Amino acid sequence: MELQIAAMNDLLEEPLQKYYANYVKKEPDEAVKKSTLQSMLKQLLEFIHSKDDLFAKDFILVGSIADGTKAEAVDELDVLVPLRKDKFKITPDDKTLEDFSISERVNGMWRCFSHDETILKLFELVTEYKQAYYKDNPFFKVKKKKITAAALPLMIDWIKIDMVLCIEDALQYSDMKWPFPKWLNGQSKWLSDQQQNRVRNMGIDMTCHGIQWRPSFSRIDAFLFGEIDINGGHRKKAFKLLKSLNGYYWTVDQLRESYQGKSRPFLGSFMMKILYLHAREKYPEPQQWDSLGKSFCNLLDVLNQCCNEKRLDHYYQANINLFDRVADKTFQWLQEKIRNILEDPEEELS
């Protein structure tokens, strides 16, 4: 199918442009809304820090809003709330490095760093801030969730905000070295040596997940996607198109006979970004992204290749296949979606 995909560059251009104009949502006041929310969050974090310096006074904006790849109108923000401690001990719980335990030094003793206590403290401080500054404002809401929740949810002016506890460069508190794969160890075809060094030096963050902690690559994502089209091209536009199709038409329940409407996308946000990064490795030259049709076909080609090989290699961690547990029928289903676009783009992109 690879040659067929490449041959469709020009034929896809017009249908893709129409789909982007009609279905990829853009709001004229998006930048103002984003700036206002960030200003409000900064004031909130400064207040929280003044009450308890465990919490940093600045947040880290991550996700598709941070890197400019959101395919829909602004309806949510993801922020990391860094935690400040002099002494941590980070220990992996399994060989796959999916889960970690974190201990803190208290009165000369090591004890489990309590995520539930910390998220509860954050809730109390945000509630105190609301009482002080937004007591009668119905558009500022904070909701207490169960103590094992991964984030504290806020709602400000109808925008959902997830505040996620984070320990930056967590492995500085551990003896282990992160197993970066070859394309972040001097063998990337599109990242310079300086950029690869910067990624490695940023380190691996940890975010809370229930009572455990998991690696987070959000800051690295924000760096790699932050200047996605700095040298021209249509990478961002093609990526947002694929995200839109994935979000509305490539959903988990479509694999079931009882499908009745939109559900969770099969390719999660993280998988989508990993797919894009591998497309940059396969197509590293700027001229390979100089039209929307060509750029979109690059992404389809890499997705089709992943389906053929039944693997999507983790871009930040060696020896992990993100498609390891995907059923054969799912790969066949995804390739059928690709064929439908190539055979009848006007129908599939309308």
Protein backbone atom coordinates (compact mmCIF):
# COMPACT_ATOMS: atom_id res chain seq x y z
CA MET A 1 0.00 0.00 0.00
CA GLU A 2 3.04 2.31 0.42
CA LEU A 3 3.28 3.20 -3.28
CA GLN A 4 -0.47 3.76 -3.44
CA ILE A 5 -0.29 6.18 -0.50
CA ALA A 6 2.55 8.16 -2.10
CA ALA A 7 0.60 8.42 -5.36
CA MET A 8 -2.34 10.06 -3.56
CA ASN A 9 -0.52 13.22 -2.44
CA ASP A 10 -2.09 15.54 -5.02
CA LEU A 11 -5.51 13.90 -5.10
CA LEU A 12 -5.88 14.28 -1.34
CA GLU A 13 -4.88 17.95 -1.23
CA GLU A 14 -8.27 19.53 -1.94
CA PRO A 15 -10.41 17.13 0.17
CA LEU A 16 -7.99 17.58 3.08
CA GLN A 17 -8.11 21.37 2.83
CA LYS A 18 -11.92 21.27 2.83
CA TYR A 19 -12.03 18.91 5.80
CA TYR A 20 -9.62 21.09 7.75
CA ALA A 21 -11.66 24.23 7.05
CA ASN A 22 -14.96 22.57 7.98
CA TYR A 23 -14.14 20.25 10.86
CA VAL A 24 -10.92 21.25 12.58
CA LYS A 25 -12.23 23.88 14.95
CA LYS A 26 -10.53 27.20 15.48
CA GLU A 27 -11.75 29.98 17.73
CA PRO A 28 -10.79 33.60 17.01
CA ASP A 29 -10.34 34.38 20.72
CA GLU A 30 -8.40 31.19 21.49
CA ALA A 31 -5.11 32.99 22.23
CA VAL A 32 -6.82 35.49 24.56
CA LYS A 33 -8.67 32.72 26.40
CA LYS A 34 -5.48 30.71 26.81
CA SER A 35 -3.55 33.75 28.10
CA THR A 36 -6.30 34.67 30.58
CA LEU A 37 -6.49 31.14 31.98
CA GLN A 38 -2.74 30.93 32.36
CA SER A 39 -2.69 34.25 34.23
CA MET A 40 -5.40 33.00 36.61
CA LEU A 41 -3.54 29.75 37.17
CA LYS A 42 -0.29 31.57 37.88
CA GLN A 43 -2.00 33.65 40.59
CA LEU A 44 -3.53 30.48 42.03
CA LEU A 45 -0.17 28.65 42.17
CA GLU A 46 1.53 31.67 43.75
CA PHE A 47 -1.13 31.64 46.47
CA ILE A 48 -0.72 27.88 47.02
CA HIS A 49 3.07 28.22 47.19
CA SER A 50 2.78 31.00 49.76
CA LYS A 51 0.79 28.62 51.98
CA ASP A 52 2.86 25.50 51.40
CA ASP A 53 6.18 25.58 49.56
CA LEU A 54 5.94 21.87 48.74
CA PHE A 55 4.06 23.15 45.68
CA ALA A 56 6.04 25.20 43.17
CA LYS A 57 4.76 28.69 42.46
CA ASP A 58 4.63 28.06 38.71
CA PHE A 59 2.79 25.38 36.74
CA ILE A 60 3.87 23.65 33.53
CA LEU A 61 1.38 23.80 30.68
CA VAL A 62 1.42 20.52 28.72
CA GLY A 63 -0.71 18.67 26.21
CA SER A 64 -2.14 19.74 22.86
CA ILE A 65 -2.86 23.29 24.06
CA ALA A 66 0.81 23.73 24.96
CA ASP A 67 2.18 22.44 21.67
CA GLY A 68 -0.54 23.86 19.41
CA THR A 69 -1.83 20.54 18.08
CA LYS A 70 -5.36 20.57 19.52
CA ALA A 71 -7.84 19.67 16.79
CA GLU A 72 -10.91 21.05 18.57
CA ALA A 73 -11.92 24.26 20.31
CA VAL A 74 -10.26 24.98 23.65
CA ASP A 75 -12.27 23.12 26.28
CA GLU A 76 -9.57 21.84 28.64
CA LEU A 77 -6.06 22.49 29.90
CA ASP A 78 -3.56 20.05 31.32
CA VAL A 79 -1.08 21.47 33.81
CA LEU A 80 1.68 19.89 35.86
CA VAL A 81 2.15 21.14 39.41
CA PRO A 82 5.80 20.49 40.35
CA LEU A 83 6.55 19.38 43.90
CA ARG A 84 9.66 20.61 45.71
CA LYS A 85 11.51 18.32 48.11
CA ASP A 86 15.16 18.07 49.14
CA LYS A 87 15.11 14.31 49.53
CA PHE A 88 13.29 11.71 47.47
CA LYS A 89 14.03 8.09 46.68
CA ILE A 90 12.68 6.74 43.38
CA THR A 91 12.32 2.97 42.88
CA PRO A 92 10.89 1.14 39.83
CA ASP A 93 8.20 -1.39 40.70
CA ASP A 94 8.66 -3.56 37.61
CA LYS A 95 11.08 -4.21 34.77
CA THR A 96 8.91 -2.40 32.22
CA LEU A 97 9.39 0.86 34.16
CA GLU A 98 5.67 1.61 34.00
CA ASP A 99 5.21 2.15 37.75
CA PHE A 100 7.45 3.65 40.41
CA SER A 101 7.37 4.06 44.16
CA ILE A 102 8.57 7.30 45.73
CA SER A 103 9.80 7.72 49.28
CA GLU A 104 10.59 10.93 51.16
CA ARG A 105 13.06 11.62 53.94
CA VAL A 106 11.26 12.68 57.14
CA ASN A 107 13.01 13.06 60.51
CA GLY A 108 15.87 10.86 59.39
CA MET A 109 13.56 8.07 58.19
CA TRP A 110 12.31 7.06 54.75
CA ARG A 111 8.55 6.81 54.31
CA CYS A 112 6.22 6.44 51.33
CA PHE A 113 5.56 9.81 49.74
CA SER A 114 1.80 10.04 50.14
CA HIS A 115 0.08 11.10 46.94
CA ASP A 116 -3.36 11.03 48.58
CA GLU A 117 -2.27 13.40 51.36
CA THR A 118 -0.72 15.73 48.79
CA ILE A 119 -3.72 15.83 46.45
CA LEU A 120 -5.96 16.45 49.48
CA LYS A 121 -3.73 19.32 50.59
CA LEU A 122 -3.88 20.78 47.08
CA PHE A 123 -7.69 20.54 47.15
CA GLU A 124 -7.82 22.34 50.50
CA LEU A 125 -5.58 25.17 49.28
CA VAL A 126 -7.49 25.63 46.02
CA THR A 127 -10.74 25.70 48.03
CA GLU A 128 -9.22 28.34 50.33
CA TYR A 129 -8.23 30.39 47.29
CA LYS A 130 -11.74 30.15 45.86
CA GLN A 131 -13.26 31.28 49.16
CA ALA A 132 -10.89 34.24 49.27
CA TYR A 133 -11.15 35.44 45.66
CA TYR A 134 -13.98 33.64 43.82
CA LYS A 135 -16.48 32.86 46.59
CA ASP A 136 -19.54 33.98 44.66
CA ASN A 137 -18.25 33.15 41.19
CA PRO A 138 -20.12 30.12 39.77
CA PHE A 139 -17.57 29.81 36.95
CA PHE A 140 -14.75 28.83 39.31
CA LYS A 141 -15.31 25.30 40.58
CA VAL A 142 -13.08 22.77 42.29
CA LYS A 143 -14.22 19.20 42.80
CA LYS A 144 -12.80 16.79 45.32
CA LYS A 145 -12.27 13.38 43.78
CA LYS A 146 -11.27 10.10 45.37
CA ILE A 147 -7.82 10.21 46.94
CA THR A 148 -6.32 7.93 44.28
CA ALA A 149 -7.29 10.35 41.49
CA ALA A 150 -4.45 11.24 39.14
CA ALA A 151 -5.40 14.93 39.02
CA LEU A 152 -7.32 17.62 40.85
CA PRO A 153 -10.05 18.90 38.49
CA LEU A 154 -10.91 22.58 38.24
CA MET A 155 -13.46 24.35 36.10
CA ILE A 156 -12.81 27.98 35.19
CA ASP A 157 -15.12 29.75 32.73
CA TRP A 158 -16.35 26.39 31.41
CA ILE A 159 -12.79 25.21 30.75
CA LYS A 160 -11.81 21.95 32.44
CA ILE A 161 -8.36 22.12 34.03
CA ASP A 162 -6.57 19.03 35.33
CA MET A 163 -3.87 19.83 37.91
CA VAL A 164 -1.47 16.88 37.96
CA LEU A 165 1.17 16.45 40.67
CA CYS A 166 4.62 16.17 39.15
CA ILE A 167 8.22 15.52 40.20
CA GLU A 168 10.57 16.97 37.59
CA ASP A 169 13.59 14.97 36.46
CA ALA A 170 12.69 12.37 39.07
CA LEU A 171 15.55 9.98 38.32
CA GLN A 172 18.02 12.45 39.83
CA TYR A 173 16.83 10.79 43.05
CA SER A 174 17.66 7.32 41.77
CA ASP A 175 20.72 5.34 40.69
CA MET A 176 19.04 4.08 37.53
CA LYS A 177 19.59 5.48 34.04
CA TRP A 178 16.65 5.86 31.70
CA PRO A 179 16.89 3.55 28.63
CA PHE A 180 16.56 6.13 25.88
CA PRO A 181 16.21 4.45 22.44
CA LYS A 182 18.64 4.86 19.54
CA TRP A 183 16.96 7.94 18.01
CA LEU A 184 17.62 9.86 21.22
CA ASN A 185 21.17 8.51 21.50
CA GLY A 186 22.79 10.02 18.43
CA GLN A 187 20.87 8.19 15.69
CA SER A 188 17.90 10.45 14.98
CA LYS A 189 17.45 11.39 11.33
CA TRP A 190 15.75 14.71 12.05
CA LEU A 191 16.85 15.82 15.53
CA SER A 192 20.26 17.44 15.84
CA ASP A 193 22.77 16.13 18.37
CA GLN A 194 22.10 19.27 20.42
CA GLN A 195 18.35 18.57 20.46
CA GLN A 196 18.88 14.95 21.44
CA ASN A 197 21.17 16.04 24.27
CA ARG A 198 18.56 18.51 25.45
CA VAL A 199 15.90 15.79 25.57
CA ARG A 200 18.16 13.50 27.60
CA ASN A 201 19.16 16.33 29.93
CA MET A 202 15.52 17.27 30.60
CA GLY A 203 15.20 13.95 32.35
CA ILE A 204 12.13 11.84 33.03
CA ASP A 205 9.38 13.37 35.13
CA MET A 206 7.00 11.40 37.33
CA THR A 207 3.29 12.09 37.66
CA CYS A 208 0.91 10.54 40.13
CA HIS A 209 -1.23 7.60 39.11
CA GLY A 210 -3.32 6.25 41.95
CA ILE A 211 -0.95 5.36 44.76
CA GLN A 212 1.93 4.91 42.34
CA TRP A 213 3.87 7.20 40.04
CA ARG A 214 4.46 6.89 36.33
CA PRO A 215 6.96 8.38 33.86
CA SER A 216 5.70 11.49 32.11
CA PHE A 217 7.04 12.70 28.77
CA SER A 218 4.84 15.78 28.58
CA ARG A 219 7.66 18.32 28.90
CA ILE A 220 9.68 16.49 26.23
CA ASP A 221 6.61 16.41 23.98
CA ALA A 222 6.13 20.14 24.44
CA PHE A 223 9.75 20.72 23.41
CA LEU A 224 9.66 18.46 20.34
CA PHE A 225 6.26 19.71 19.15
CA GLY A 226 6.75 23.33 20.16
CA GLU A 227 8.41 24.31 16.88
CA ILE A 228 6.73 21.73 14.68
CA ASP A 229 6.72 23.89 11.53
CA ILE A 230 9.47 26.37 12.34
CA ASN A 231 11.07 25.76 8.93
CA GLY A 232 7.78 25.72 7.05
CA GLY A 233 5.68 22.76 6.02
CA HIS A 234 2.28 21.32 6.84
CA ARG A 235 3.13 18.92 9.67
CA LYS A 236 0.90 20.52 12.30
CA LYS A 237 -2.06 20.81 9.97
CA ALA A 238 -1.73 17.17 8.83
CA PHE A 239 -1.34 15.98 12.42
CA LYS A 240 -4.46 17.85 13.53
CA LEU A 241 -6.37 16.34 10.62
CA LEU A 242 -5.33 12.84 11.61
CA LYS A 243 -6.25 13.58 15.25
CA SER A 244 -9.68 14.76 14.15
CA LEU A 245 -10.33 11.65 12.05
CA ASN A 246 -9.02 9.46 14.85
CA GLY A 247 -11.20 11.19 17.42
CA TYR A 248 -14.45 10.91 15.48
CA TYR A 249 -14.15 7.94 13.13
CA TRP A 250 -11.46 5.61 14.50
CA THR A 251 -12.97 4.85 17.88
CA VAL A 252 -12.87 1.72 20.00
CA ASP A 253 -16.57 0.92 19.84
CA GLN A 254 -16.54 0.89 16.04
CA LEU A 255 -14.89 -2.52 16.36
CA ARG A 256 -18.10 -3.83 17.93
CA GLU A 257 -21.26 -4.83 16.11
CA SER A 258 -23.33 -2.84 18.62
CA TYR A 259 -21.61 0.49 17.83
CA GLN A 260 -24.04 3.40 18.28
CA GLY A 261 -21.91 6.54 18.12
CA LYS A 262 -18.64 8.22 19.04
CA SER A 263 -16.54 6.69 21.81
CA ARG A 264 -12.92 6.78 22.96
CA PRO A 265 -10.40 6.98 20.07
CA PHE A 266 -8.42 3.80 19.52
CA LEU A 267 -5.19 5.74 19.05
CA GLY A 268 -4.77 7.71 22.27
CA SER A 269 -3.15 11.14 22.32
CA PHE A 270 0.22 9.69 23.37
CA MET A 271 0.17 7.07 20.59
CA MET A 272 -0.68 9.78 18.05
CA LYS A 273 2.34 11.80 19.07
CA ILE A 274 4.62 8.76 18.97
CA LEU A 275 3.31 7.99 15.47
CA TYR A 276 4.13 11.54 14.37
CA LEU A 277 7.66 11.36 15.78
CA HIS A 278 8.32 8.16 13.86
CA ALA A 279 6.99 9.84 10.72
CA ARG A 280 9.65 12.52 11.24
CA GLU A 281 12.29 9.78 11.42
CA LYS A 282 11.07 8.14 8.20
CA TYR A 283 10.60 11.47 6.41
CA PRO A 284 13.28 13.77 7.88
CA GLU A 285 13.64 16.26 4.99
CA PRO A 286 11.65 19.53 4.97
CA GLN A 287 10.60 19.07 1.32
CA GLN A 288 8.84 15.87 2.32
CA TRP A 289 6.31 18.00 4.22
CA ASP A 290 5.83 20.87 1.75
CA SER A 291 2.15 20.18 0.99
CA LEU A 292 -0.80 19.09 3.10
CA GLY A 293 -1.45 16.05 0.93
CA LYS A 294 2.15 14.90 1.14
CA SER A 295 2.32 15.50 4.90
CA PHE A 296 -0.91 13.61 5.57
CA CYS A 297 0.23 10.70 3.39
CA ASN A 298 3.47 10.51 5.40
CA LEU A 299 1.42 9.92 8.55
CA LEU A 300 -0.83 7.36 6.84
CA ASP A 301 2.21 5.53 5.49
CA VAL A 302 3.80 5.19 8.94
CA LEU A 303 0.49 4.08 10.47
CA ASN A 304 0.10 1.48 7.73
CA GLN A 305 3.67 0.28 8.31
CA CYS A 306 2.99 -0.06 12.05
CA CYS A 307 -0.08 -2.15 11.24
CA ASN A 308 1.94 -4.40 8.91
CA GLU A 309 4.65 -4.89 11.55
CA LYS A 310 2.16 -4.96 14.45
CA ARG A 311 4.33 -2.64 16.46
CA LEU A 312 4.67 1.01 17.40
CA ASP A 313 7.99 1.52 19.12
CA HIS A 314 8.02 3.82 22.13
CA TYR A 315 9.94 6.94 21.09
CA TYR A 316 11.30 7.70 24.56
CA GLN A 317 11.97 4.25 25.99
CA ALA A 318 13.89 1.37 24.41
CA ASN A 319 12.36 -2.06 23.79
CA ILE A 320 8.70 -1.13 24.32
CA ASN A 321 6.08 -1.92 21.67
CA LEU A 322 2.98 0.19 22.26
CA PHE A 323 0.99 -2.15 19.98
CA ASP A 324 2.04 -5.25 21.89
CA ARG A 325 -1.50 -6.11 23.04
CA VAL A 326 -3.44 -5.02 19.96
CA ALA A 327 -5.50 -7.73 18.26
CA ASP A 328 -4.93 -8.63 14.60
CA LYS A 329 -8.48 -7.59 13.69
CA THR A 330 -7.74 -4.09 14.94
CA PHE A 331 -4.80 -3.72 12.57
CA GLN A 332 -6.99 -4.96 9.71
CA TRP A 333 -9.69 -2.48 10.71
CA LEU A 334 -7.23 0.44 10.76
CA GLN A 335 -5.82 -0.49 7.36
CA GLU A 336 -9.35 -0.61 5.99
CA LYS A 337 -9.83 2.97 7.25
CA ILE A 338 -6.66 3.99 5.40
CA ARG A 339 -7.79 2.26 2.18
CA ASN A 340 -11.17 4.00 2.37
CA ILE A 341 -9.49 7.40 2.47
CA LEU A 342 -7.24 6.55 -0.47
CA GLU A 343 -10.00 5.01 -2.61
CA ASP A 344 -12.66 7.66 -2.01
CA PRO A 345 -11.23 10.75 -0.27
CA GLU A 346 -14.23 12.92 -1.17
CA GLU A 347 -16.56 10.52 0.63
CA GLU A 348 -14.34 9.78 3.63
CA LEU A 349 -13.31 13.41 4.19
CA SER A 350 -16.71 15.03 3.95
